[in-house]
C-alpha cells in the first residue's frame, strides 16, 4: 500500500467489517475516539485479504496480542 500523500490518521475505538450480500459489497465501519463514524468501501474479496493479513501479522509478531489499549501511538496521541 503506497501513497504519495501522508495518510489521515484516526484513533479507532471500534471496527467491524460488514458484507452486504444483495449489493455484493464489503465495507469497514470505524468509530473514532472523537465520535466520527467512517465507512470505507472495499473490494468484495477484501474480507479474505484482511483475514490473511491478520493471520500473517499474528505469526510474524505474536507479541501484539499482549499489547493493551493504553499508551502512546505512532501519532503521539494516547
C-alpha atoms as a PDB file:
ATOM      1  CA  UNK A   1       0.000   0.000   0.000  1.00  0.00           C
ATOM      2  CA  UNK A   2       1.737   3.172  -1.188  1.00  0.00           C
ATOM      3  CA  UNK A   3       0.627   6.763  -1.409  1.00  0.00           C
ATOM      4  CA  UNK A   4       2.460   9.969  -2.206  1.00  0.00           C
ATOM      5  CA  UNK A   5       0.483  11.839   0.469  1.00  0.00           C
ATOM      6  CA  UNK A   6       0.661  11.404   4.211  1.00  0.00           C
ATOM      7  CA  UNK A   7      -2.304   9.370   5.461  1.00  0.00           C
ATOM      8  CA  UNK A   8      -5.042  10.859   7.584  1.00  0.00           C
ATOM      9  CA  UNK A   9      -4.672   9.225  10.981  1.00  0.00           C
ATOM     10  CA  UNK A  10      -7.635   8.406  13.221  1.00  0.00           C
ATOM     11  CA  UNK A  11      -7.706   6.572  16.540  1.00  0.00           C
ATOM     12  CA  UNK A  12     -10.265   3.807  16.161  1.00  0.00           C
ATOM     13  CA  UNK A  13     -12.175   2.618  19.187  1.00  0.00           C
ATOM     14  CA  UNK A  14     -14.300   0.139  17.257  1.00  0.00           C
ATOM     15  CA  UNK A  15     -14.020  -1.514  13.841  1.00  0.00           C
ATOM     16  CA  UNK A  16     -16.161  -4.010  12.008  1.00  0.00           C
ATOM     17  CA  UNK A  17     -16.350  -5.500   8.539  1.00  0.00           C
ATOM     18  CA  UNK A  18     -19.811  -5.539   7.000  1.00  0.00           C
ATOM     19  CA  UNK A  19     -20.763  -7.588   3.942  1.00  0.00           C
ATOM     20  CA  UNK A  20     -23.874  -6.552   2.050  1.00  0.00           C
ATOM     21  CA  UNK A  21     -24.910  -9.669   0.157  1.00  0.00           C
ATOM     22  CA  UNK A  22     -27.560  -8.050  -2.053  1.00  0.00           C
ATOM     23  CA  UNK A  23     -25.173  -5.319  -3.233  1.00  0.00           C
ATOM     24  CA  UNK A  24     -22.121  -7.633  -3.378  1.00  0.00           C
ATOM     25  CA  UNK A  25     -20.004  -5.175  -1.432  1.00  0.00           C
ATOM     26  CA  UNK A  26     -17.919  -5.063   1.728  1.00  0.00           C
ATOM     27  CA  UNK A  27     -17.351  -2.057   3.994  1.00  0.00           C
ATOM     28  CA  UNK A  28     -15.206  -1.427   7.020  1.00  0.00           C
ATOM     29  CA  UNK A  29     -17.029   0.665   9.634  1.00  0.00           C
ATOM     30  CA  UNK A  30     -14.789   2.567  12.031  1.00  0.00           C
ATOM     31  CA  UNK A  31     -15.824   4.539  15.115  1.00  0.00           C
ATOM     32  CA  UNK A  32     -13.163   7.061  16.140  1.00  0.00           C
ATOM     33  CA  UNK A  33     -12.304   8.344  19.586  1.00  0.00           C
ATOM     34  CA  UNK A  34     -13.812  11.737  18.702  1.00  0.00           C
ATOM     35  CA  UNK A  35     -17.168  10.186  17.748  1.00  0.00           C
ATOM     36  CA  UNK A  36     -16.800  10.147  13.957  1.00  0.00           C
ATOM     37  CA  UNK A  37     -18.125   7.147  12.068  1.00  0.00           C
ATOM     38  CA  UNK A  38     -16.154   6.349   8.934  1.00  0.00           C
ATOM     39  CA  UNK A  39     -17.189   3.811   6.300  1.00  0.00           C
ATOM     40  CA  UNK A  40     -14.621   2.530   3.826  1.00  0.00           C
ATOM     41  CA  UNK A  41     -15.887   0.703   0.745  1.00  0.00           C
ATOM     42  CA  UNK A  42     -13.655  -2.272  -0.018  1.00  0.00           C
ATOM     43  CA  UNK A  43     -13.237  -4.673  -2.919  1.00  0.00           C
ATOM     44  CA  UNK A  44     -15.582  -7.634  -2.488  1.00  0.00           C
ATOM     45  CA  UNK A  45     -12.810 -10.144  -1.778  1.00  0.00           C
ATOM     46  CA  UNK A  46     -11.021  -7.831   0.669  1.00  0.00           C
ATOM     47  CA  UNK A  47     -12.639  -9.503   3.681  1.00  0.00           C
ATOM     48  CA  UNK A  48     -10.495 -12.561   2.964  1.00  0.00           C
ATOM     49  CA  UNK A  49      -7.367 -10.488   2.320  1.00  0.00           C
ATOM     50  CA  UNK A  50      -7.815  -8.806   5.720  1.00  0.00           C
ATOM     51  CA  UNK A  51      -8.110 -12.225   7.357  1.00  0.00           C
ATOM     52  CA  UNK A  52      -4.864 -13.363   5.699  1.00  0.00           C
ATOM     53  CA  UNK A  53      -3.075 -10.195   6.807  1.00  0.00           C
ATOM     54  CA  UNK A  54      -4.258 -10.600  10.403  1.00  0.00           C
ATOM     55  CA  UNK A  55      -3.136 -14.251  10.472  1.00  0.00           C
ATOM     56  CA  UNK A  56       0.260 -13.334   8.984  1.00  0.00           C
ATOM     57  CA  UNK A  57       0.717 -10.484  11.460  1.00  0.00           C
ATOM     58  CA  UNK A  58      -0.090 -12.842  14.340  1.00  0.00           C
ATOM     59  CA  UNK A  59       2.552 -15.281  13.133  1.00  0.00           C
ATOM     60  CA  UNK A  60       5.229 -12.674  12.396  1.00  0.00           C
ATOM     61  CA  UNK A  61       4.614 -10.567  15.513  1.00  0.00           C
ATOM     62  CA  UNK A  62       2.790 -12.592  18.207  1.00  0.00           C
ATOM     63  CA  UNK A  63       3.594 -10.058  20.939  1.00  0.00           C
ATOM     64  CA  UNK A  64       0.878  -7.803  19.503  1.00  0.00           C
ATOM     65  CA  UNK A  65      -1.671  -9.966  21.312  1.00  0.00           C
ATOM     66  CA  UNK A  66      -0.249  -8.749  24.646  1.00  0.00           C
ATOM     67  CA  UNK A  67      -0.449  -5.036  23.843  1.00  0.00           C
ATOM     68  CA  UNK A  68      -3.032  -3.076  25.790  1.00  0.00           C
ATOM     69  CA  UNK A  69      -5.277  -0.263  24.615  1.00  0.00           C
ATOM     70  CA  UNK A  70      -3.498   2.463  26.605  1.00  0.00           C
ATOM     71  CA  UNK A  71      -0.195   4.157  25.981  1.00  0.00           C
ATOM     72  CA  UNK A  72       1.218   6.224  23.189  1.00  0.00           C
ATOM     73  CA  UNK A  73       0.579   5.693  19.495  1.00  0.00           C
ATOM     74  CA  UNK A  74       2.644   6.457  16.414  1.00  0.00           C
ATOM     75  CA  UNK A  75       0.850   9.776  16.118  1.00  0.00           C
ATOM     76  CA  UNK A  76       1.816  10.684  19.679  1.00  0.00           C
ATOM     77  CA  UNK A  77      -1.752  10.663  20.990  1.00  0.00           C
ATOM     78  CA  UNK A  78      -2.648   8.367  23.866  1.00  0.00           C
END
